[in-house]
Amino acid sequence: MAALATGMGGSFAAEHGLGRAKIAMADRNRGTVERELMARLKDAFDPQGTMNPSVLVRTRAR
């Protein structure tokens, strides 16, 4: 479904979260700039990486 939405100029939504199972799908369907922004925001709000590690954005090596 995400590929269909993206192909039609839309995007997928994850109001209830993606979980770990859909990180790869999110990586495929979000642009590099958007993924980097999401990672930076996660780092800003959760610098220790304790809130849902590896969910939505892959955690970075600390």
Protein backbone atom coordinates (compact mmCIF):
# COMPACT_ATOMS: atom_id res chain seq x y z
CA MET A 1 0.00 0.00 0.00
CA ALA A 2 2.79 2.44 0.82
CA ALA A 3 4.29 1.96 -2.65
CA LEU A 4 0.89 2.64 -4.25
CA ALA A 5 0.38 5.79 -2.18
CA THR A 6 3.88 7.02 -2.95
CA GLY A 7 3.46 6.22 -6.65
CA MET A 8 0.36 8.41 -6.73
CA GLY A 9 2.21 11.34 -5.15
CA GLY A 10 1.05 10.72 -1.60
CA SER A 11 2.75 9.28 1.45
CA PHE A 12 2.04 6.69 4.09
CA ALA A 13 1.04 7.70 7.59
CA ALA A 14 1.85 5.99 10.85
CA GLU A 15 -0.37 7.62 13.43
CA HIS A 16 0.03 4.64 15.74
CA GLY A 17 3.71 4.12 15.05
CA LEU A 18 5.68 1.87 12.77
CA GLY A 19 7.37 -0.48 15.15
CA ARG A 20 10.50 -2.37 14.24
CA ALA A 21 8.86 -4.49 11.54
CA LYS A 22 8.29 -1.57 9.18
CA ILE A 23 11.54 0.38 9.49
CA ALA A 24 12.76 -0.96 6.14
CA MET A 25 9.50 0.13 4.48
CA ALA A 26 9.88 3.59 5.98
CA ASP A 27 13.46 3.76 4.70
CA ARG A 28 12.23 2.93 1.18
CA ASN A 29 9.34 5.39 1.21
CA ARG A 30 10.88 8.43 2.88
CA GLY A 31 13.50 10.58 1.26
CA THR A 32 17.02 10.91 2.59
CA VAL A 33 16.44 14.45 3.86
CA GLU A 34 13.23 13.47 5.63
CA ARG A 35 14.83 10.41 7.27
CA GLU A 36 17.81 12.50 8.41
CA LEU A 37 15.50 15.14 9.87
CA MET A 38 13.55 12.46 11.75
CA ALA A 39 16.80 11.02 13.13
CA ARG A 40 18.02 14.46 14.23
CA LEU A 41 14.73 15.23 15.96
CA LYS A 42 14.84 11.86 17.73
CA ASP A 43 18.41 12.60 18.86
CA ALA A 44 17.38 16.06 20.10
CA PHE A 45 14.46 14.79 22.17
CA ASP A 46 16.08 11.52 23.25
CA PRO A 47 19.86 12.01 23.37
CA GLN A 48 20.42 8.81 25.37
CA GLY A 49 18.32 6.72 22.95
CA THR A 50 16.19 5.25 25.72
CA MET A 51 12.72 5.91 24.30
CA ASN A 52 11.74 3.14 21.89
CA PRO A 53 15.26 2.39 20.62
CA SER A 54 15.39 1.38 16.96
CA VAL A 55 11.73 2.28 16.37
CA LEU A 56 10.85 4.64 13.52
CA VAL A 57 14.47 5.62 13.00
CA ARG A 58 17.46 3.37 13.38
CA THR A 59 19.46 4.23 16.45
CA ARG A 60 22.91 5.57 15.84
CA ALA A 61 26.09 4.30 17.41
CA ARG A 62 26.82 6.37 20.50
